Amino acid sequence: MVFPRYPSLVLRVGLIALSCGFSVAAQTQSQQSAAIPPSDSPQPDPSKIEGSSSEKLPSTPDSAQLQLGVINGTVVDQTGAAVAGAEVKLTREPPFQNRTVPTAEDGQFSLLNIEPGPFDLTISSPGFATQTFSGILRSGETYAVPRIALIVAAASTEMRVTPATVDVAQDEIKVEEQQRVFGVIPNFYVSYVANAAPLTSKQKFQLAWKTSIDPVSFGVNAIVAGVEQAQDNFGGYGQGAKGYAERYGAAYGNFVIGTYIGSAILPSILKQDPRYFYKGTGTKRSRILNALAQSVICKGDNGHWQANYSGLIGGLAASGISNVYYAPKDRDGVGFTFENALIGIGTTAVTNLLQEFVIRKWTQSRPGRQASKPADPVSRLSLAPIHAGD
């Protein structure tokens, strides 16, 4: 390009344009430098910036860095001897971390691979009181539990006191001895308890003795002797006071002999119960059959029904012995003795029917004792045996 006429002017304009361009570039670079600090300038401390997250959130260790621990210990008794086989139960939260280990022969136990945190131990062993222990296991720690001494558990005994059979029977006899028809006539040989306690030999003799010496027994035999004398029965005794006394002695002798042989001696030997057992329930027919049957059967001391050998043989024995003190002309032969025994069975059957349906209603108690009730398990009735010689 040729500028023939304006060489100096062109040169000046070019210089001015160049100088302006350098000035604008320099200003732009200067502004950029001011806005962006150089890389080697100091950085602000994040901990000094208000609202920094390092001030609001505490530092927590990474769960991956937690290490499992071990819990060891020893269980002994009060004397310091090791307790083997004791149960050591670890209780944690959550429950799936719970576990149980037994103690070794030396009483030691070890719980391995336990996560850090609070824990509870429960130590138990048969015959010892349960012990507990609490602690905190740290990361990677082997926790040594102080020696645990088990204390012998206090003895706890449950005892049921059951009266002895002989004591129960004695209480029943005491009740029976208070039962009287119209409050006067003794009724000692009837039991209203189906499963009454069996009597011992001593108690059988006790009941026979009470029956024999009861004032009513003396009075009844006195009436029997008077009727016999009025009818001149057993004429060999004669009349008058002497004849009455002999008749009274024979009547009372028959009564006592029959009572002891049939209600004490033979029942003790054969282990049979001389009492009548009141039924009181069921149909009238069943009660009648029960009363009639008990004239030839009785309950054994073992609770089973069996033939009443005591009553049957006792009646024969009483009739046979009575021949010793009867006048020679009034002594019975063998046939008459068996006849009296059969009469005795019939008399017993009638008496049982009265006991089952009638006599119980007439029975009164002595003062201070409540009247009997059919369902009362301690009620008693009995009639004195009737001797075969009357």
Protein backbone atom coordinates (compact mmCIF):
# COMPACT_ATOMS: atom_id res chain seq x y z
CA MET A 1 0.00 0.00 0.00
CA VAL A 2 1.31 3.53 -0.92
CA PHE A 3 0.35 6.65 0.89
CA PRO A 4 2.17 9.36 -1.14
CA ARG A 5 0.54 12.44 0.36
CA TYR A 6 -0.14 11.53 4.05
CA PRO A 7 2.77 9.49 5.32
CA SER A 8 3.18 11.23 8.64
CA LEU A 9 -0.53 11.35 9.39
CA VAL A 10 -0.98 7.65 8.83
CA LEU A 11 1.93 6.87 11.03
CA ARG A 12 0.53 8.95 13.87
CA VAL A 13 -2.92 7.38 13.63
CA GLY A 14 -1.44 3.90 13.74
CA LEU A 15 0.63 4.69 16.78
CA ILE A 16 -2.38 6.13 18.56
CA ALA A 17 -4.48 3.02 17.76
CA LEU A 18 -1.76 0.71 19.02
CA SER A 19 -1.36 2.68 22.21
CA CYS A 20 -5.11 2.59 22.84
CA GLY A 21 -5.22 -1.14 22.28
CA PHE A 22 -2.43 -1.79 24.75
CA SER A 23 -4.17 0.44 27.33
CA VAL A 24 -7.50 -1.38 27.07
CA ALA A 25 -5.82 -4.80 27.35
CA ALA A 26 -3.86 -3.72 30.35
CA GLN A 27 -6.98 -2.45 32.12
CA THR A 28 -8.87 -5.65 31.39
CA GLN A 29 -6.03 -7.81 32.70
CA SER A 30 -5.76 -5.64 35.80
CA GLN A 31 -9.49 -6.05 36.58
CA GLN A 32 -9.34 -9.82 36.16
CA SER A 33 -6.33 -10.03 38.44
CA ALA A 34 -8.16 -8.07 41.11
CA ALA A 35 -11.25 -10.35 40.96
CA ILE A 36 -9.33 -13.69 41.12
CA PRO A 37 -6.56 -13.79 43.71
CA PRO A 38 -3.40 -15.53 42.75
CA SER A 39 -3.21 -19.29 43.57
CA ASP A 40 -0.44 -18.83 46.06
CA SER A 41 -2.55 -16.53 48.28
CA PRO A 42 -3.51 -17.98 51.77
CA GLN A 43 -6.88 -19.86 51.96
CA PRO A 44 -9.42 -19.07 54.70
CA ASP A 45 -9.66 -21.57 57.68
CA PRO A 46 -12.96 -23.47 57.42
CA SER A 47 -13.09 -23.78 61.18
CA LYS A 48 -13.33 -19.98 61.45
CA ILE A 49 -16.20 -19.63 59.03
CA GLU A 50 -19.48 -19.02 60.89
CA GLY A 51 -21.97 -21.77 60.41
CA SER A 52 -19.30 -24.30 59.44
CA SER A 53 -20.44 -27.93 59.57
CA SER A 54 -17.39 -28.79 61.69
CA GLU A 55 -18.92 -26.83 64.58
CA LYS A 56 -22.48 -28.23 64.30
CA LEU A 57 -21.82 -32.01 63.85
CA PRO A 58 -19.54 -33.81 66.34
CA SER A 59 -17.03 -36.13 64.93
CA THR A 60 -18.10 -39.86 65.21
CA PRO A 61 -15.91 -42.85 64.57
CA ASP A 62 -16.72 -44.90 61.56
CA SER A 63 -18.71 -48.03 62.51
CA ALA A 64 -16.41 -50.05 60.32
CA GLN A 65 -13.57 -49.14 62.68
CA LEU A 66 -15.33 -50.68 65.83
CA GLN A 67 -13.64 -53.87 67.03
CA LEU A 68 -15.34 -56.81 68.74
CA GLY A 69 -14.44 -57.55 72.35
CA VAL A 70 -14.35 -60.40 74.87
CA ILE A 71 -15.97 -60.80 78.31
CA ASN A 72 -14.26 -63.18 80.75
CA GLY A 73 -14.98 -64.11 84.34
CA THR A 74 -14.99 -66.78 87.07
CA VAL A 75 -17.88 -68.14 89.14
CA VAL A 76 -17.25 -69.55 92.62
CA ASP A 77 -19.29 -70.44 95.70
CA GLN A 78 -19.13 -68.88 99.16
CA THR A 79 -16.09 -70.97 100.06
CA GLY A 80 -14.22 -69.90 96.93
CA ALA A 81 -14.55 -73.26 95.18
CA ALA A 82 -15.21 -73.13 91.45
CA VAL A 83 -18.79 -73.69 90.32
CA ALA A 84 -18.81 -75.77 87.14
CA GLY A 85 -21.80 -75.83 84.82
CA ALA A 86 -23.25 -72.53 86.03
CA GLU A 87 -25.29 -70.74 83.37
CA VAL A 88 -23.99 -67.31 82.33
CA LYS A 89 -26.51 -65.40 80.22
CA LEU A 90 -25.52 -62.27 78.30
CA THR A 91 -28.35 -59.78 77.76
CA ARG A 92 -27.97 -57.03 75.16
CA GLU A 93 -29.99 -54.64 73.08
CA PRO A 94 -31.10 -55.66 70.51
CA PRO A 95 -32.07 -59.10 71.88
CA PHE A 96 -30.55 -61.04 68.98
CA GLN A 97 -27.14 -60.42 70.58
CA ASN A 98 -28.12 -62.41 73.69
CA ARG A 99 -26.30 -65.65 74.33
CA THR A 100 -25.67 -68.17 77.10
CA VAL A 101 -22.53 -70.11 78.01
CA PRO A 102 -21.75 -72.58 80.84
CA THR A 103 -18.82 -72.27 83.19
CA ALA A 104 -15.93 -74.71 82.79
CA GLU A 105 -14.61 -77.10 85.44
CA ASP A 106 -12.52 -74.27 86.90
CA GLY A 107 -15.57 -71.99 87.03
CA GLN A 108 -14.38 -69.75 84.21
CA PHE A 109 -16.45 -68.51 81.29
CA SER A 110 -15.67 -66.55 78.14
CA LEU A 111 -17.97 -64.65 75.78
CA LEU A 112 -16.23 -64.02 72.45
CA ASN A 113 -16.89 -61.61 69.59
CA ILE A 114 -19.06 -59.24 71.57
CA GLU A 115 -19.98 -55.87 70.08
CA PRO A 116 -19.04 -52.83 72.20
CA GLY A 117 -21.65 -51.30 74.44
CA PRO A 118 -23.56 -51.89 77.70
CA PHE A 119 -24.25 -55.47 78.74
CA ASP A 120 -25.90 -57.41 81.56
CA LEU A 121 -24.91 -60.84 82.89
CA THR A 122 -27.20 -63.23 84.77
CA ILE A 123 -25.47 -66.12 86.56
CA SER A 124 -27.51 -69.04 87.89
CA SER A 125 -26.86 -72.57 89.11
CA PRO A 126 -29.07 -75.18 90.85
CA GLY A 127 -29.02 -74.73 94.60
CA PHE A 128 -27.66 -71.17 94.43
CA ALA A 129 -29.31 -67.78 94.39
CA THR A 130 -29.17 -66.01 91.00
CA GLN A 131 -26.58 -63.21 90.66
CA THR A 132 -26.43 -60.34 88.15
CA PHE A 133 -23.68 -58.07 86.85
CA SER A 134 -23.68 -55.05 84.50
CA GLY A 135 -20.87 -53.36 82.60
CA ILE A 136 -19.82 -51.52 79.45
CA LEU A 137 -17.59 -53.16 76.86
CA ARG A 138 -15.39 -50.83 74.80
CA SER A 139 -14.16 -51.41 71.27
CA GLY A 140 -11.59 -54.18 71.13
CA GLU A 141 -11.57 -54.58 74.93
CA THR A 142 -11.15 -57.83 76.88
CA TYR A 143 -13.43 -57.18 79.84
CA ALA A 144 -12.54 -59.02 83.04
CA VAL A 145 -15.63 -59.47 85.21
CA PRO A 146 -14.85 -59.44 88.95
CA ARG A 147 -15.08 -62.87 90.52
CA ILE A 148 -18.74 -63.76 91.07
CA ALA A 149 -19.54 -65.63 94.31
CA LEU A 150 -22.84 -67.49 94.33
CA ILE A 151 -24.76 -67.73 97.59
CA VAL A 152 -26.60 -70.89 98.57
CA ALA A 153 -30.31 -70.35 97.99
CA ALA A 154 -32.56 -70.27 101.04
CA ALA A 155 -34.38 -73.58 101.45
CA SER A 156 -38.03 -73.41 100.43
CA THR A 157 -40.02 -76.47 101.42
CA GLU A 158 -43.71 -76.97 100.82
CA MET A 159 -45.16 -79.27 103.43
CA ARG A 160 -48.65 -80.63 103.40
CA VAL A 161 -49.80 -81.87 106.75
CA THR A 162 -52.19 -84.79 106.47
CA PRO A 163 -53.58 -86.20 109.70
CA ALA A 164 -52.63 -89.79 110.37
CA THR A 165 -55.36 -92.35 109.74
CA VAL A 166 -55.44 -93.30 113.40
CA ASP A 167 -56.03 -89.65 114.36
CA VAL A 168 -58.85 -89.30 111.85
CA ALA A 169 -60.46 -92.48 113.17
CA GLN A 170 -60.12 -91.23 116.73
CA ASP A 171 -61.92 -88.02 115.83
CA GLU A 172 -64.68 -90.07 114.23
CA ILE A 173 -65.07 -92.18 117.36
CA LYS A 174 -65.39 -89.06 119.49
CA VAL A 175 -68.24 -87.93 117.28
CA GLU A 176 -69.90 -91.37 117.35
CA GLU A 177 -69.80 -91.46 121.14
CA GLN A 178 -71.88 -88.27 121.20
CA GLN A 179 -74.70 -89.62 119.03
CA ARG A 180 -77.83 -90.68 120.90
CA VAL A 181 -81.38 -91.47 119.82
CA PHE A 182 -83.73 -88.96 121.45
CA GLY A 183 -80.57 -87.70 123.15
CA VAL A 184 -80.55 -90.79 125.41
CA ILE A 185 -79.98 -94.16 123.70
CA PRO A 186 -76.37 -94.60 122.50
CA ASN A 187 -75.82 -95.12 118.75
CA PHE A 188 -72.14 -95.80 118.36
CA TYR A 189 -71.98 -98.36 115.56
CA VAL A 190 -73.16 -96.45 112.45
CA SER A 191 -70.98 -94.31 110.20
CA TYR A 192 -72.35 -91.71 107.82
CA VAL A 193 -69.00 -91.48 106.00
CA ALA A 194 -68.69 -93.96 103.13
CA ASN A 195 -64.88 -93.82 103.26
CA ALA A 196 -64.50 -93.53 107.01
CA ALA A 197 -61.03 -94.21 108.36
CA PRO A 198 -60.55 -97.83 109.52
CA LEU A 199 -60.40 -98.41 113.24
CA THR A 200 -57.35 -99.79 114.97
CA SER A 201 -57.70 -102.69 117.38
CA LYS A 202 -57.39 -100.30 120.30
CA GLN A 203 -60.17 -98.14 118.93
CA LYS A 204 -62.45 -101.14 118.37
CA PHE A 205 -61.99 -102.17 122.00
CA GLN A 206 -62.47 -98.54 123.06
CA LEU A 207 -65.82 -98.39 121.30
CA ALA A 208 -66.90 -101.73 122.79
CA TRP A 209 -65.90 -100.55 126.28
CA LYS A 210 -67.85 -97.30 125.94
CA THR A 211 -70.89 -99.25 124.82
CA SER A 212 -70.65 -101.79 127.65
CA ILE A 213 -70.38 -99.27 130.48
CA ASP A 214 -72.90 -96.76 129.17
CA PRO A 215 -75.64 -96.18 131.79
CA VAL A 216 -78.31 -96.88 129.18
CA SER A 217 -76.80 -100.32 128.60
CA PHE A 218 -77.22 -101.15 132.29
CA GLY A 219 -80.78 -99.88 132.23
CA VAL A 220 -81.81 -101.79 129.10
CA ASN A 221 -80.47 -105.07 130.47
CA ALA A 222 -82.28 -104.41 133.74
CA ILE A 223 -85.53 -104.09 131.78
CA VAL A 224 -84.76 -107.29 129.84
CA ALA A 225 -84.14 -109.19 133.10
CA GLY A 226 -87.43 -107.88 134.53
CA VAL A 227 -89.39 -109.00 131.45
CA GLU A 228 -87.74 -112.43 131.57
CA GLN A 229 -88.65 -112.83 135.24
CA ALA A 230 -92.21 -111.68 134.66
CA GLN A 231 -92.57 -114.28 131.91
CA ASP A 232 -90.65 -116.83 134.01
CA ASN A 233 -88.10 -117.29 131.26
CA PHE A 234 -85.05 -119.28 132.34
CA GLY A 235 -87.08 -120.77 135.19
CA GLY A 236 -84.00 -122.41 136.64
CA TYR A 237 -83.11 -119.07 138.17
CA GLY A 238 -86.33 -119.03 140.19
CA GLN A 239 -88.12 -115.91 141.33
CA GLY A 240 -87.45 -113.19 143.84
CA ALA A 241 -84.46 -110.94 144.09
CA LYS A 242 -82.04 -113.82 143.62
CA GLY A 243 -83.73 -114.97 140.43
CA TYR A 244 -83.84 -111.38 139.09
CA ALA A 245 -80.17 -110.83 139.88
CA GLU A 246 -79.19 -114.03 138.07
CA ARG A 247 -81.31 -113.10 135.08
CA TYR A 248 -79.81 -109.61 135.04
CA GLY A 249 -76.28 -111.02 135.22
CA ALA A 250 -77.01 -113.42 132.35
CA ALA A 251 -78.58 -110.69 130.19
CA TYR A 252 -75.76 -108.24 130.79
CA GLY A 253 -73.21 -111.03 130.33
CA ASN A 254 -74.69 -111.92 126.94
CA PHE A 255 -74.63 -108.26 125.96
CA VAL A 256 -70.99 -107.68 126.94
CA ILE A 257 -69.74 -110.98 125.47
CA GLY A 258 -71.57 -110.38 122.20
CA THR A 259 -70.26 -106.82 122.00
CA TYR A 260 -66.62 -107.71 122.65
CA ILE A 261 -66.48 -110.85 120.51
CA GLY A 262 -68.50 -109.50 117.58
CA SER A 263 -67.33 -105.88 117.66
CA ALA A 264 -63.79 -105.92 119.08
CA ILE A 265 -62.00 -109.27 119.30
CA LEU A 266 -62.94 -110.88 115.97
CA PRO A 267 -62.89 -107.56 114.02
CA SER A 268 -59.36 -107.01 115.30
CA ILE A 269 -58.25 -110.50 114.31
CA LEU A 270 -60.06 -110.54 110.95
CA LYS A 271 -59.44 -106.81 110.27
CA GLN A 272 -63.09 -105.96 109.79
CA ASP A 273 -65.09 -102.86 110.65
CA PRO A 274 -68.02 -103.55 113.04
CA ARG A 275 -69.94 -100.39 112.09
CA TYR A 276 -72.95 -100.03 109.81
CA PHE A 277 -72.26 -97.65 106.91
CA TYR A 278 -75.22 -95.43 106.17
CA LYS A 279 -76.03 -95.02 102.46
CA GLY A 280 -78.52 -92.15 102.53
CA THR A 281 -78.63 -91.62 98.74
CA GLY A 282 -79.99 -93.43 95.72
CA THR A 283 -83.32 -95.11 95.21
CA LYS A 284 -85.29 -96.54 98.10
CA ARG A 285 -84.75 -100.02 96.68
CA SER A 286 -80.96 -99.61 96.63
CA ARG A 287 -80.98 -98.34 100.19
CA ILE A 288 -83.09 -101.30 101.36
CA LEU A 289 -80.78 -103.77 99.65
CA ASN A 290 -77.77 -102.03 101.19
CA ALA A 291 -79.26 -102.28 104.69
CA LEU A 292 -80.19 -105.95 104.30
CA ALA A 293 -76.82 -106.87 102.79
CA GLN A 294 -74.90 -105.38 105.70
CA SER A 295 -76.48 -107.92 108.03
CA VAL A 296 -74.20 -110.56 106.47
CA ILE A 297 -71.38 -108.49 104.95
CA CYS A 298 -69.16 -105.77 106.35
CA LYS A 299 -66.40 -103.45 105.23
CA GLY A 300 -62.87 -104.64 105.84
CA ASP A 301 -60.11 -102.42 107.16
CA ASN A 302 -58.79 -102.38 103.58
CA GLY A 303 -62.01 -100.69 102.41
CA HIS A 304 -63.39 -103.72 100.55
CA TRP A 305 -66.68 -105.42 101.31
CA GLN A 306 -66.47 -108.98 102.62
CA ALA A 307 -68.46 -111.58 104.53
CA ASN A 308 -69.18 -110.47 108.07
CA TYR A 309 -67.40 -113.34 109.79
CA SER A 310 -67.00 -111.25 112.94
CA GLY A 311 -70.75 -110.80 113.40
CA LEU A 312 -71.73 -114.34 112.39
CA ILE A 313 -69.11 -116.12 114.50
CA GLY A 314 -69.58 -113.63 117.32
CA GLY A 315 -73.28 -114.50 117.60
CA LEU A 316 -72.55 -118.23 117.73
CA ALA A 317 -69.79 -117.72 120.29
CA ALA A 318 -72.01 -115.61 122.55
CA SER A 319 -74.77 -118.24 122.47
CA GLY A 320 -72.30 -121.01 123.21
CA ILE A 321 -70.68 -119.19 126.11
CA SER A 322 -74.06 -118.36 127.66
CA ASN A 323 -74.58 -122.07 128.32
CA VAL A 324 -71.88 -121.83 130.96
CA TYR A 325 -73.88 -119.60 133.32
CA TYR A 326 -77.46 -120.63 132.44
CA ALA A 327 -79.19 -123.12 134.70
CA PRO A 328 -78.69 -126.70 133.45
CA LYS A 329 -82.31 -127.12 132.37
CA ASP A 330 -82.19 -123.83 130.43
CA ARG A 331 -79.02 -124.52 128.50
CA ASP A 332 -79.47 -124.57 124.74
CA GLY A 333 -78.35 -127.34 122.50
CA VAL A 334 -76.34 -126.87 119.34
CA GLY A 335 -79.46 -126.52 117.22
CA PHE A 336 -80.88 -123.80 119.41
CA THR A 337 -77.54 -121.98 119.31
CA PHE A 338 -77.64 -121.82 115.50
CA GLU A 339 -81.28 -120.82 115.66
CA ASN A 340 -80.35 -117.88 117.89
CA ALA A 341 -77.59 -116.96 115.42
CA LEU A 342 -80.12 -116.83 112.57
CA ILE A 343 -82.46 -114.75 114.72
CA GLY A 344 -79.55 -112.41 115.38
CA ILE A 345 -79.00 -111.95 111.64
CA GLY A 346 -82.67 -111.08 111.16
CA THR A 347 -82.60 -108.68 114.07
CA THR A 348 -79.52 -106.97 112.61
CA ALA A 349 -81.25 -106.60 109.22
CA VAL A 350 -84.28 -104.94 110.83
CA THR A 351 -82.04 -102.67 112.87
CA ASN A 352 -80.13 -101.63 109.71
CA LEU A 353 -83.39 -100.72 107.98
CA LEU A 354 -84.34 -98.54 110.92
CA GLN A 355 -80.92 -96.93 110.84
CA GLU A 356 -81.21 -96.21 107.12
CA PHE A 357 -84.71 -94.70 107.13
CA VAL A 358 -85.81 -93.81 110.67
CA ILE A 359 -83.29 -93.62 113.47
CA ARG A 360 -81.20 -90.92 111.91
CA LYS A 361 -84.09 -88.48 112.20
CA TRP A 362 -84.42 -89.21 115.88
CA THR A 363 -80.77 -88.79 116.72
CA GLN A 364 -79.82 -85.76 118.74
CA SER A 365 -76.45 -84.49 119.83
CA ARG A 366 -75.19 -83.63 123.24
CA PRO A 367 -75.29 -79.94 124.22
CA GLY A 368 -72.63 -77.86 122.47
CA ARG A 369 -72.54 -79.93 119.29
CA GLN A 370 -74.47 -79.19 116.08
CA ALA A 371 -77.15 -81.58 114.93
CA SER A 372 -76.18 -84.09 112.29
CA LYS A 373 -76.91 -83.60 108.58
CA PRO A 374 -77.20 -86.39 106.01
CA ALA A 375 -74.28 -85.04 103.95
CA ASP A 376 -72.13 -84.21 106.96
CA PRO A 377 -68.93 -86.31 106.64
CA VAL A 378 -68.39 -86.45 110.38
CA SER A 379 -71.84 -87.61 111.45
CA ARG A 380 -72.13 -90.93 113.24
CA LEU A 381 -74.86 -93.28 114.54
CA SER A 382 -74.74 -96.74 116.05
CA LEU A 383 -76.85 -99.15 117.98
CA ALA A 384 -75.47 -101.48 120.59
CA PRO A 385 -75.46 -105.09 119.39
CA ILE A 386 -78.35 -107.25 120.59
CA HIS A 387 -77.12 -110.38 122.37
CA ALA A 388 -78.23 -113.69 120.96
CA GLY A 389 -79.57 -114.99 124.24
CA ASP A 390 -82.48 -112.54 124.52
